[in-house]
Amino acid sequence: MNNFLNDKWKKIIFFSIIVIAIEFSGHGIFASLFRLLSSGN
């Protein structure tokens, strides 16, 4: 059970790092939304 929990957390952290990297590179969902909102003004 403990090993399963560790694998699950490793996957969650791994995907979180990928998502954060994409967001900071400017190609993520939040970055796109921010550009859309700022272009509307």
PDB file of N, CA and C in Angstrom:
ATOM      1  N   MET A   1       0.834  -1.202   0.000  1.00  0.00           N
ATOM      2  CA  MET A   1       0.000   0.000   0.000  1.00  0.00           C
ATOM      3  C   MET A   1       0.867   1.249   0.000  1.00  0.00           C
ATOM      4  N   ASN A   2       1.908   1.234   0.827  1.00  0.00           N
ATOM      5  CA  ASN A   2       2.792   2.404   0.909  1.00  0.00           C
ATOM      6  C   ASN A   2       3.511   2.634  -0.416  1.00  0.00           C
ATOM      7  N   ASN A   3       3.919   1.544  -1.081  1.00  0.00           N
ATOM      8  CA  ASN A   3       4.598   1.655  -2.373  1.00  0.00           C
ATOM      9  C   ASN A   3       3.656   2.230  -3.426  1.00  0.00           C
ATOM     10  N   PHE A   4       2.400   1.802  -3.406  1.00  0.00           N
ATOM     11  CA  PHE A   4       1.399   2.324  -4.341  1.00  0.00           C
ATOM     12  C   PHE A   4       1.208   3.823  -4.130  1.00  0.00           C
ATOM     13  N   LEU A   5       1.164   4.236  -2.876  1.00  0.00           N
ATOM     14  CA  LEU A   5       0.985   5.652  -2.548  1.00  0.00           C
ATOM     15  C   LEU A   5       2.170   6.471  -3.051  1.00  0.00           C
ATOM     16  N   ASN A   6       3.376   5.942  -2.886  1.00  0.00           N
ATOM     17  CA  ASN A   6       4.571   6.637  -3.363  1.00  0.00           C
ATOM     18  C   ASN A   6       4.551   6.792  -4.881  1.00  0.00           C
ATOM     19  N   ASP A   7       4.167   5.738  -5.600  1.00  0.00           N
ATOM     20  CA  ASP A   7       4.085   5.806  -7.062  1.00  0.00           C
ATOM     21  C   ASP A   7       3.052   6.837  -7.494  1.00  0.00           C
ATOM     22  N   LYS A   8       1.930   6.864  -6.795  1.00  0.00           N
ATOM     23  CA  LYS A   8       0.866   7.814  -7.123  1.00  0.00           C
ATOM     24  C   LYS A   8       1.363   9.247  -6.927  1.00  0.00           C
ATOM     25  N   TRP A   9       2.031   9.505  -5.811  1.00  0.00           N
ATOM     26  CA  TRP A   9       2.550  10.856  -5.546  1.00  0.00           C
ATOM     27  C   TRP A   9       3.638  11.238  -6.534  1.00  0.00           C
ATOM     28  N   LYS A  10       4.487  10.274  -6.915  1.00  0.00           N
ATOM     29  CA  LYS A  10       5.530  10.556  -7.901  1.00  0.00           C
ATOM     30  C   LYS A  10       4.911  10.973  -9.223  1.00  0.00           C
ATOM     31  N   LYS A  11       3.837  10.288  -9.645  1.00  0.00           N
ATOM     32  CA  LYS A  11       3.165  10.633 -10.896  1.00  0.00           C
ATOM     33  C   LYS A  11       2.513  12.008 -10.798  1.00  0.00           C
ATOM     34  N   ILE A  12       1.862  12.298  -9.674  1.00  0.00           N
ATOM     35  CA  ILE A  12       1.215  13.600  -9.485  1.00  0.00           C
ATOM     36  C   ILE A  12       2.247  14.719  -9.545  1.00  0.00           C
ATOM     37  N   ILE A  13       3.364  14.548  -8.857  1.00  0.00           N
ATOM     38  CA  ILE A  13       4.415  15.566  -8.847  1.00  0.00           C
ATOM     39  C   ILE A  13       5.019  15.722 -10.239  1.00  0.00           C
ATOM     40  N   PHE A  14       5.242  14.601 -10.929  1.00  0.00           N
ATOM     41  CA  PHE A  14       5.816  14.630 -12.274  1.00  0.00           C
ATOM     42  C   PHE A  14       4.924  15.411 -13.233  1.00  0.00           C
ATOM     43  N   PHE A  15       3.613  15.116 -13.226  1.00  0.00           N
ATOM     44  CA  PHE A  15       2.689  15.828 -14.113  1.00  0.00           C
ATOM     45  C   PHE A  15       2.559  17.285 -13.726  1.00  0.00           C
ATOM     46  N   SER A  16       2.607  17.576 -12.425  1.00  0.00           N
ATOM     47  CA  SER A  16       2.539  18.967 -11.973  1.00  0.00           C
ATOM     48  C   SER A  16       3.724  19.767 -12.493  1.00  0.00           C
ATOM     49  N   ILE A  17       4.914  19.181 -12.453  1.00  0.00           N
ATOM     50  CA  ILE A  17       6.107  19.863 -12.948  1.00  0.00           C
ATOM     51  C   ILE A  17       5.975  20.134 -14.446  1.00  0.00           C
ATOM     52  N   ILE A  18       5.465  19.157 -15.191  1.00  0.00           N
ATOM     53  CA  ILE A  18       5.282  19.342 -16.640  1.00  0.00           C
ATOM     54  C   ILE A  18       4.291  20.477 -16.908  1.00  0.00           C
ATOM     55  N   VAL A  19       3.163  20.468 -16.203  1.00  0.00           N
ATOM     56  CA  VAL A  19       2.151  21.507 -16.399  1.00  0.00           C
ATOM     57  C   VAL A  19       2.708  22.877 -16.055  1.00  0.00           C
ATOM     58  N   ILE A  20       3.420  22.983 -14.939  1.00  0.00           N
ATOM     59  CA  ILE A  20       4.009  24.265 -14.534  1.00  0.00           C
ATOM     60  C   ILE A  20       5.021  24.742 -15.570  1.00  0.00           C
ATOM     61  N   ALA A  21       5.832  23.820 -16.090  1.00  0.00           N
ATOM     62  CA  ALA A  21       6.822  24.189 -17.108  1.00  0.00           C
ATOM     63  C   ALA A  21       6.138  24.716 -18.367  1.00  0.00           C
ATOM     64  N   ILE A  22       5.055  24.062 -18.791  1.00  0.00           N
ATOM     65  CA  ILE A  22       4.316  24.509 -19.974  1.00  0.00           C
ATOM     66  C   ILE A  22       3.701  25.884 -19.724  1.00  0.00           C
ATOM     67  N   GLU A  23       3.120  26.072 -18.534  1.00  0.00           N
ATOM     68  CA  GLU A  23       2.504  27.360 -18.217  1.00  0.00           C
ATOM     69  C   GLU A  23       3.534  28.480 -18.252  1.00  0.00           C
ATOM     70  N   PHE A  24       4.694  28.275 -17.653  1.00  0.00           N
ATOM     71  CA  PHE A  24       5.707  29.335 -17.601  1.00  0.00           C
ATOM     72  C   PHE A  24       6.351  29.586 -18.957  1.00  0.00           C
ATOM     73  N   SER A  25       6.290  28.595 -19.858  1.00  0.00           N
ATOM     74  CA  SER A  25       6.849  28.800 -21.197  1.00  0.00           C
ATOM     75  C   SER A  25       5.897  29.635 -22.060  1.00  0.00           C
ATOM     76  N   GLY A  26       4.685  29.846 -21.591  1.00  0.00           N
ATOM     77  CA  GLY A  26       3.743  30.714 -22.304  1.00  0.00           C
ATOM     78  C   GLY A  26       2.802  29.990 -23.239  1.00  0.00           C
ATOM     79  N   HIS A  27       2.761  28.666 -23.182  1.00  0.00           N
ATOM     80  CA  HIS A  27       1.896  27.916 -24.084  1.00  0.00           C
ATOM     81  C   HIS A  27       0.764  27.203 -23.346  1.00  0.00           C
ATOM     82  N   GLY A  28       0.588  27.524 -22.091  1.00  0.00           N
ATOM     83  CA  GLY A  28      -0.407  26.813 -21.296  1.00  0.00           C
ATOM     84  C   GLY A  28      -1.790  27.429 -21.365  1.00  0.00           C
ATOM     85  N   ILE A  29      -2.734  26.782 -20.711  1.00  0.00           N
ATOM     86  CA  ILE A  29      -4.125  27.218 -20.697  1.00  0.00           C
ATOM     87  C   ILE A  29      -4.251  28.587 -20.025  1.00  0.00           C
ATOM     88  N   PHE A  30      -3.612  28.742 -18.869  1.00  0.00           N
ATOM     89  CA  PHE A  30      -3.720  30.002 -18.141  1.00  0.00           C
ATOM     90  C   PHE A  30      -3.074  31.144 -18.910  1.00  0.00           C
ATOM     91  N   ALA A  31      -1.940  30.875 -19.538  1.00  0.00           N
ATOM     92  CA  ALA A  31      -1.262  31.898 -20.328  1.00  0.00           C
ATOM     93  C   ALA A  31      -2.132  32.312 -21.508  1.00  0.00           C
ATOM     94  N   SER A  32      -2.769  31.355 -22.157  1.00  0.00           N
ATOM     95  CA  SER A  32      -3.643  31.659 -23.292  1.00  0.00           C
ATOM     96  C   SER A  32      -4.854  32.470 -22.840  1.00  0.00           C
ATOM     97  N   LEU A  33      -5.441  32.090 -21.728  1.00  0.00           N
ATOM     98  CA  LEU A  33      -6.590  32.834 -21.203  1.00  0.00           C
ATOM     99  C   LEU A  33      -6.202  34.256 -20.853  1.00  0.00           C
ATOM    100  N   PHE A  34      -5.046  34.412 -20.250  1.00  0.00           N
ATOM    101  CA  PHE A  34      -4.563  35.737 -19.856  1.00  0.00           C
ATOM    102  C   PHE A  34      -4.350  36.614 -21.084  1.00  0.00           C
ATOM    103  N   ARG A  35      -3.766  36.042 -22.133  1.00  0.00           N
ATOM    104  CA  ARG A  35      -3.566  36.791 -23.384  1.00  0.00           C
ATOM    105  C   ARG A  35      -4.904  37.182 -23.993  1.00  0.00           C
ATOM    106  N   LEU A  36      -5.866  36.260 -23.967  1.00  0.00           N
ATOM    107  CA  LEU A  36      -7.199  36.518 -24.530  1.00  0.00           C
ATOM    108  C   LEU A  36      -7.882  37.651 -23.779  1.00  0.00           C
ATOM    109  N   LEU A  37      -7.799  37.621 -22.461  1.00  0.00           N
ATOM    110  CA  LEU A  37      -8.428  38.675 -21.648  1.00  0.00           C
ATOM    111  C   LEU A  37      -7.724  40.017 -21.865  1.00  0.00           C
ATOM    112  N   SER A  38      -6.418  40.011 -21.934  1.00  0.00           N
ATOM    113  CA  SER A  38      -5.696  41.271 -22.095  1.00  0.00           C
ATOM    114  C   SER A  38      -5.880  41.840 -23.502  1.00  0.00           C
ATOM    115  N   SER A  39      -6.079  41.001 -24.494  1.00  0.00           N
ATOM    116  CA  SER A  39      -6.298  41.498 -25.856  1.00  0.00           C
ATOM    117  C   SER A  39      -7.704  42.052 -26.016  1.00  0.00           C
ATOM    118  N   GLY A  40      -8.614  41.623 -25.159  1.00  0.00           N
ATOM    119  CA  GLY A  40      -9.996  42.118 -25.207  1.00  0.00           C
ATOM    120  C   GLY A  40     -10.128  43.535 -24.684  1.00  0.00           C
ATOM    121  N   ASN A  41      -9.195  43.947 -23.868  1.00  0.00           N
ATOM    122  CA  ASN A  41      -9.301  45.282 -23.275  1.00  0.00           C
ATOM    123  C   ASN A  41      -8.739  46.354 -24.188  1.00  0.00           C
TER     124      ASN A  41
END
